[in-house]
Amino acid sequence: MADDSKPVYLRLRDIIAASILDGEYGDGDLLPSVRAFAGQQRANPLTVAKAYQSFQDDGLVMVKRGVGMFVADGATRRLREAERKRFLEDVWPPVAAHIRRLGLRPEELDMQQA
Protein backbone atom coordinates (compact mmCIF):
# COMPACT_ATOMS: atom_id res chain seq x y z
CA MET A 1 0.00 0.00 0.00
CA ALA A 2 1.51 3.32 -1.07
CA ASP A 3 1.96 6.08 1.47
CA ASP A 4 1.09 9.26 -0.43
CA SER A 5 2.46 11.37 2.42
CA LYS A 6 5.98 10.13 1.60
CA PRO A 7 8.14 11.95 -0.93
CA VAL A 8 8.10 10.24 -4.33
CA TYR A 9 11.78 9.24 -4.15
CA LEU A 10 11.10 7.37 -0.89
CA ARG A 11 8.11 5.60 -2.44
CA LEU A 12 10.34 4.59 -5.35
CA ARG A 13 12.97 3.43 -2.88
CA ASP A 14 10.30 1.28 -1.18
CA ILE A 15 9.44 -0.31 -4.55
CA ILE A 16 13.10 -1.13 -5.20
CA ALA A 17 13.57 -2.46 -1.65
CA ALA A 18 10.47 -4.67 -2.00
CA SER A 19 11.82 -6.03 -5.30
CA ILE A 20 15.08 -6.93 -3.56
CA LEU A 21 13.30 -8.49 -0.56
CA ASP A 22 10.96 -10.43 -2.87
CA GLY A 23 13.97 -11.90 -4.68
CA GLU A 24 13.38 -10.15 -7.98
CA TYR A 25 16.91 -8.73 -7.59
CA GLY A 26 19.52 -10.52 -5.52
CA ASP A 27 22.90 -9.47 -4.23
CA GLY A 28 25.12 -8.76 -7.22
CA ASP A 29 22.23 -8.34 -9.67
CA LEU A 30 21.99 -5.43 -12.07
CA LEU A 31 19.15 -3.03 -11.28
CA PRO A 32 17.15 -1.38 -14.06
CA SER A 33 18.71 1.79 -15.42
CA VAL A 34 17.40 5.09 -14.10
CA ARG A 35 15.60 5.70 -17.39
CA ALA A 36 14.11 2.21 -17.56
CA PHE A 37 12.86 2.33 -13.96
CA ALA A 38 11.52 5.87 -14.47
CA GLY A 39 9.59 4.60 -17.50
CA GLN A 40 8.21 1.61 -15.59
CA GLN A 41 7.07 3.78 -12.70
CA ARG A 42 6.08 6.83 -14.78
CA ALA A 43 8.40 8.91 -12.65
CA ASN A 44 10.87 11.68 -13.34
CA PRO A 45 14.36 10.23 -13.99
CA LEU A 46 15.86 12.78 -11.56
CA THR A 47 13.57 11.45 -8.83
CA VAL A 48 14.60 7.87 -9.61
CA ALA A 49 18.24 8.95 -9.54
CA LYS A 50 17.64 10.40 -6.06
CA ALA A 51 16.13 7.09 -4.89
CA TYR A 52 19.08 5.16 -6.30
CA GLN A 53 21.51 7.65 -4.75
CA SER A 54 19.96 7.05 -1.32
CA PHE A 55 20.62 3.32 -1.75
CA GLN A 56 24.17 4.08 -2.82
CA ASP A 57 24.65 6.36 0.22
CA ASP A 58 23.47 3.49 2.43
CA GLY A 59 25.86 1.05 0.75
CA LEU A 60 23.02 -1.07 -0.61
CA VAL A 61 23.91 -0.60 -4.27
CA MET A 62 27.20 -0.15 -6.01
CA VAL A 63 27.89 1.62 -9.27
CA LYS A 64 30.07 0.18 -11.99
CA ARG A 65 30.86 3.10 -14.25
CA GLY A 66 29.55 2.58 -17.74
CA VAL A 67 27.77 -0.63 -16.73
CA GLY A 68 25.08 0.26 -14.18
CA MET A 69 23.95 -0.11 -10.60
CA PHE A 70 24.14 -3.44 -8.84
CA VAL A 71 22.68 -4.72 -5.58
CA ALA A 72 25.59 -4.75 -3.12
CA ASP A 73 26.70 -7.92 -1.39
CA GLY A 74 24.76 -8.29 1.86
CA ALA A 75 22.11 -5.74 0.82
CA THR A 76 19.26 -8.26 0.96
CA ARG A 77 20.16 -9.28 4.50
CA ARG A 78 20.58 -5.68 5.64
CA LEU A 79 17.29 -4.60 4.06
CA ARG A 80 15.46 -7.56 5.63
CA GLU A 81 16.91 -6.77 9.07
CA ALA A 82 15.95 -3.10 8.78
CA GLU A 83 12.45 -3.94 7.54
CA ARG A 84 11.91 -6.50 10.32
CA LYS A 85 13.00 -3.92 12.91
CA ARG A 86 10.68 -1.26 11.43
CA PHE A 87 7.80 -3.75 11.32
CA LEU A 88 8.25 -4.89 14.92
CA GLU A 89 8.69 -1.35 16.27
CA ASP A 90 6.28 0.67 14.13
CA VAL A 91 3.78 -1.55 12.32
CA TRP A 92 3.09 -4.50 14.62
CA PRO A 93 2.20 -2.74 17.90
CA PRO A 94 -0.94 -1.01 16.53
CA VAL A 95 -1.89 -4.17 14.58
CA ALA A 96 -1.51 -6.30 17.72
CA ALA A 97 -3.58 -3.78 19.70
CA HIS A 98 -6.30 -3.89 17.04
CA ILE A 99 -6.31 -7.71 17.11
CA ARG A 100 -6.72 -7.64 20.90
CA ARG A 101 -9.44 -4.99 20.64
CA LEU A 102 -11.41 -7.18 18.21
CA GLY A 103 -10.86 -10.32 20.30
CA LEU A 104 -9.41 -12.22 17.36
CA ARG A 105 -7.81 -15.59 18.00
CA PRO A 106 -4.58 -16.71 16.25
CA GLU A 107 -6.43 -19.44 14.34
CA GLU A 108 -8.72 -16.77 12.87
CA LEU A 109 -5.71 -15.03 11.30
CA ASP A 110 -5.26 -16.98 8.08
CA MET A 111 -1.63 -16.27 7.20
CA GLN A 112 -1.99 -18.28 3.98
CA GLN A 113 -3.98 -15.43 2.42
CA ALA A 114 -1.11 -12.99 2.90
C-alpha atoms as a PDB file:
ATOM      1  CA  MET A   1       0.000   0.000   0.000  1.00  0.00           C
ATOM      2  CA  ALA A   2       1.509   3.323  -1.070  1.00  0.00           C
ATOM      3  CA  ASP A   3       1.964   6.078   1.468  1.00  0.00           C
ATOM      4  CA  ASP A   4       1.089   9.258  -0.431  1.00  0.00           C
ATOM      5  CA  SER A   5       2.464  11.368   2.417  1.00  0.00           C
ATOM      6  CA  LYS A   6       5.979  10.131   1.603  1.00  0.00           C
ATOM      7  CA  PRO A   7       8.142  11.951  -0.933  1.00  0.00           C
ATOM      8  CA  VAL A   8       8.104  10.244  -4.334  1.00  0.00           C
ATOM      9  CA  TYR A   9      11.776   9.242  -4.153  1.00  0.00           C
ATOM     10  CA  LEU A  10      11.099   7.371  -0.885  1.00  0.00           C
ATOM     11  CA  ARG A  11       8.110   5.601  -2.437  1.00  0.00           C
ATOM     12  CA  LEU A  12      10.341   4.590  -5.354  1.00  0.00           C
ATOM     13  CA  ARG A  13      12.970   3.426  -2.882  1.00  0.00           C
ATOM     14  CA  ASP A  14      10.303   1.282  -1.184  1.00  0.00           C
ATOM     15  CA  ILE A  15       9.442  -0.311  -4.549  1.00  0.00           C
ATOM     16  CA  ILE A  16      13.097  -1.134  -5.197  1.00  0.00           C
ATOM     17  CA  ALA A  17      13.572  -2.462  -1.654  1.00  0.00           C
ATOM     18  CA  ALA A  18      10.474  -4.671  -1.997  1.00  0.00           C
ATOM     19  CA  SER A  19      11.824  -6.030  -5.298  1.00  0.00           C
ATOM     20  CA  ILE A  20      15.076  -6.934  -3.565  1.00  0.00           C
ATOM     21  CA  LEU A  21      13.305  -8.492  -0.559  1.00  0.00           C
ATOM     22  CA  ASP A  22      10.957 -10.425  -2.866  1.00  0.00           C
ATOM     23  CA  GLY A  23      13.965 -11.904  -4.676  1.00  0.00           C
ATOM     24  CA  GLU A  24      13.385 -10.147  -7.982  1.00  0.00           C
ATOM     25  CA  TYR A  25      16.909  -8.734  -7.585  1.00  0.00           C
ATOM     26  CA  GLY A  26      19.521 -10.521  -5.525  1.00  0.00           C
ATOM     27  CA  ASP A  27      22.902  -9.472  -4.227  1.00  0.00           C
ATOM     28  CA  GLY A  28      25.120  -8.760  -7.225  1.00  0.00           C
ATOM     29  CA  ASP A  29      22.233  -8.343  -9.672  1.00  0.00           C
ATOM     30  CA  LEU A  30      21.989  -5.427 -12.071  1.00  0.00           C
ATOM     31  CA  LEU A  31      19.154  -3.027 -11.281  1.00  0.00           C
ATOM     32  CA  PRO A  32      17.151  -1.378 -14.059  1.00  0.00           C
ATOM     33  CA  SER A  33      18.712   1.786 -15.420  1.00  0.00           C
ATOM     34  CA  VAL A  34      17.400   5.087 -14.098  1.00  0.00           C
ATOM     35  CA  ARG A  35      15.600   5.703 -17.395  1.00  0.00           C
ATOM     36  CA  ALA A  36      14.110   2.208 -17.559  1.00  0.00           C
ATOM     37  CA  PHE A  37      12.856   2.333 -13.963  1.00  0.00           C
ATOM     38  CA  ALA A  38      11.516   5.870 -14.474  1.00  0.00           C
ATOM     39  CA  GLY A  39       9.594   4.604 -17.498  1.00  0.00           C
ATOM     40  CA  GLN A  40       8.209   1.607 -15.594  1.00  0.00           C
ATOM     41  CA  GLN A  41       7.072   3.782 -12.702  1.00  0.00           C
ATOM     42  CA  ARG A  42       6.085   6.827 -14.775  1.00  0.00           C
ATOM     43  CA  ALA A  43       8.404   8.909 -12.646  1.00  0.00           C
ATOM     44  CA  ASN A  44      10.870  11.680 -13.341  1.00  0.00           C
ATOM     45  CA  PRO A  45      14.360  10.225 -13.986  1.00  0.00           C
ATOM     46  CA  LEU A  46      15.862  12.780 -11.565  1.00  0.00           C
ATOM     47  CA  THR A  47      13.570  11.451  -8.826  1.00  0.00           C
ATOM     48  CA  VAL A  48      14.596   7.871  -9.614  1.00  0.00           C
ATOM     49  CA  ALA A  49      18.243   8.947  -9.543  1.00  0.00           C
ATOM     50  CA  LYS A  50      17.643  10.403  -6.060  1.00  0.00           C
ATOM     51  CA  ALA A  51      16.132   7.095  -4.886  1.00  0.00           C
ATOM     52  CA  TYR A  52      19.079   5.155  -6.297  1.00  0.00           C
ATOM     53  CA  GLN A  53      21.507   7.651  -4.750  1.00  0.00           C
ATOM     54  CA  SER A  54      19.962   7.051  -1.324  1.00  0.00           C
ATOM     55  CA  PHE A  55      20.622   3.320  -1.750  1.00  0.00           C
ATOM     56  CA  GLN A  56      24.167   4.080  -2.818  1.00  0.00           C
ATOM     57  CA  ASP A  57      24.648   6.365   0.217  1.00  0.00           C
ATOM     58  CA  ASP A  58      23.473   3.489   2.434  1.00  0.00           C
ATOM     59  CA  GLY A  59      25.862   1.050   0.749  1.00  0.00           C
ATOM     60  CA  LEU A  60      23.018  -1.072  -0.606  1.00  0.00           C
ATOM     61  CA  VAL A  61      23.910  -0.598  -4.270  1.00  0.00           C
ATOM     62  CA  MET A  62      27.199  -0.151  -6.014  1.00  0.00           C
ATOM     63  CA  VAL A  63      27.891   1.619  -9.273  1.00  0.00           C
ATOM     64  CA  LYS A  64      30.072   0.184 -11.986  1.00  0.00           C
ATOM     65  CA  ARG A  65      30.856   3.104 -14.247  1.00  0.00           C
ATOM     66  CA  GLY A  66      29.554   2.580 -17.737  1.00  0.00           C
ATOM     67  CA  VAL A  67      27.772  -0.627 -16.725  1.00  0.00           C
ATOM     68  CA  GLY A  68      25.079   0.261 -14.184  1.00  0.00           C
ATOM     69  CA  MET A  69      23.949  -0.114 -10.603  1.00  0.00           C
ATOM     70  CA  PHE A  70      24.142  -3.444  -8.835  1.00  0.00           C
ATOM     71  CA  VAL A  71      22.683  -4.722  -5.576  1.00  0.00           C
ATOM     72  CA  ALA A  72      25.587  -4.745  -3.122  1.00  0.00           C
ATOM     73  CA  ASP A  73      26.703  -7.922  -1.385  1.00  0.00           C
ATOM     74  CA  GLY A  74      24.755  -8.286   1.863  1.00  0.00           C
ATOM     75  CA  ALA A  75      22.107  -5.741   0.817  1.00  0.00           C
ATOM     76  CA  THR A  76      19.258  -8.256   0.957  1.00  0.00           C
ATOM     77  CA  ARG A  77      20.164  -9.283   4.505  1.00  0.00           C
ATOM     78  CA  ARG A  78      20.583  -5.683   5.639  1.00  0.00           C
ATOM     79  CA  LEU A  79      17.287  -4.598   4.064  1.00  0.00           C
ATOM     80  CA  ARG A  80      15.461  -7.560   5.629  1.00  0.00           C
ATOM     81  CA  GLU A  81      16.906  -6.774   9.073  1.00  0.00           C
ATOM     82  CA  ALA A  82      15.946  -3.100   8.778  1.00  0.00           C
ATOM     83  CA  GLU A  83      12.451  -3.936   7.543  1.00  0.00           C
ATOM     84  CA  ARG A  84      11.905  -6.499  10.317  1.00  0.00           C
ATOM     85  CA  LYS A  85      12.998  -3.918  12.911  1.00  0.00           C
ATOM     86  CA  ARG A  86      10.684  -1.262  11.433  1.00  0.00           C
ATOM     87  CA  PHE A  87       7.799  -3.750  11.321  1.00  0.00           C
ATOM     88  CA  LEU A  88       8.255  -4.890  14.924  1.00  0.00           C
ATOM     89  CA  GLU A  89       8.692  -1.354  16.273  1.00  0.00           C
ATOM     90  CA  ASP A  90       6.280   0.673  14.133  1.00  0.00           C
ATOM     91  CA  VAL A  91       3.781  -1.548  12.322  1.00  0.00           C
ATOM     92  CA  TRP A  92       3.092  -4.500  14.617  1.00  0.00           C
ATOM     93  CA  PRO A  93       2.202  -2.738  17.901  1.00  0.00           C
ATOM     94  CA  PRO A  94      -0.939  -1.014  16.529  1.00  0.00           C
ATOM     95  CA  VAL A  95      -1.893  -4.170  14.578  1.00  0.00           C
ATOM     96  CA  ALA A  96      -1.515  -6.299  17.720  1.00  0.00           C
ATOM     97  CA  ALA A  97      -3.585  -3.783  19.703  1.00  0.00           C
ATOM     98  CA  HIS A  98      -6.302  -3.890  17.037  1.00  0.00           C
ATOM     99  CA  ILE A  99      -6.310  -7.706  17.107  1.00  0.00           C
ATOM    100  CA  ARG A 100      -6.719  -7.645  20.904  1.00  0.00           C
ATOM    101  CA  ARG A 101      -9.436  -4.987  20.637  1.00  0.00           C
ATOM    102  CA  LEU A 102     -11.414  -7.178  18.209  1.00  0.00           C
ATOM    103  CA  GLY A 103     -10.863 -10.315  20.295  1.00  0.00           C
ATOM    104  CA  LEU A 104      -9.407 -12.222  17.359  1.00  0.00           C
ATOM    105  CA  ARG A 105      -7.805 -15.594  17.995  1.00  0.00           C
ATOM    106  CA  PRO A 106      -4.585 -16.711  16.246  1.00  0.00           C
ATOM    107  CA  GLU A 107      -6.429 -19.444  14.343  1.00  0.00           C
ATOM    108  CA  GLU A 108      -8.716 -16.769  12.865  1.00  0.00           C
ATOM    109  CA  LEU A 109      -5.710 -15.026  11.302  1.00  0.00           C
ATOM    110  CA  ASP A 110      -5.257 -16.978   8.083  1.00  0.00           C
ATOM    111  CA  MET A 111      -1.634 -16.265   7.198  1.00  0.00           C
ATOM    112  CA  GLN A 112      -1.990 -18.284   3.983  1.00  0.00           C
ATOM    113  CA  GLN A 113      -3.983 -15.431   2.423  1.00  0.00           C
ATOM    114  CA  ALA A 114      -1.109 -12.989   2.904  1.00  0.00           C
END
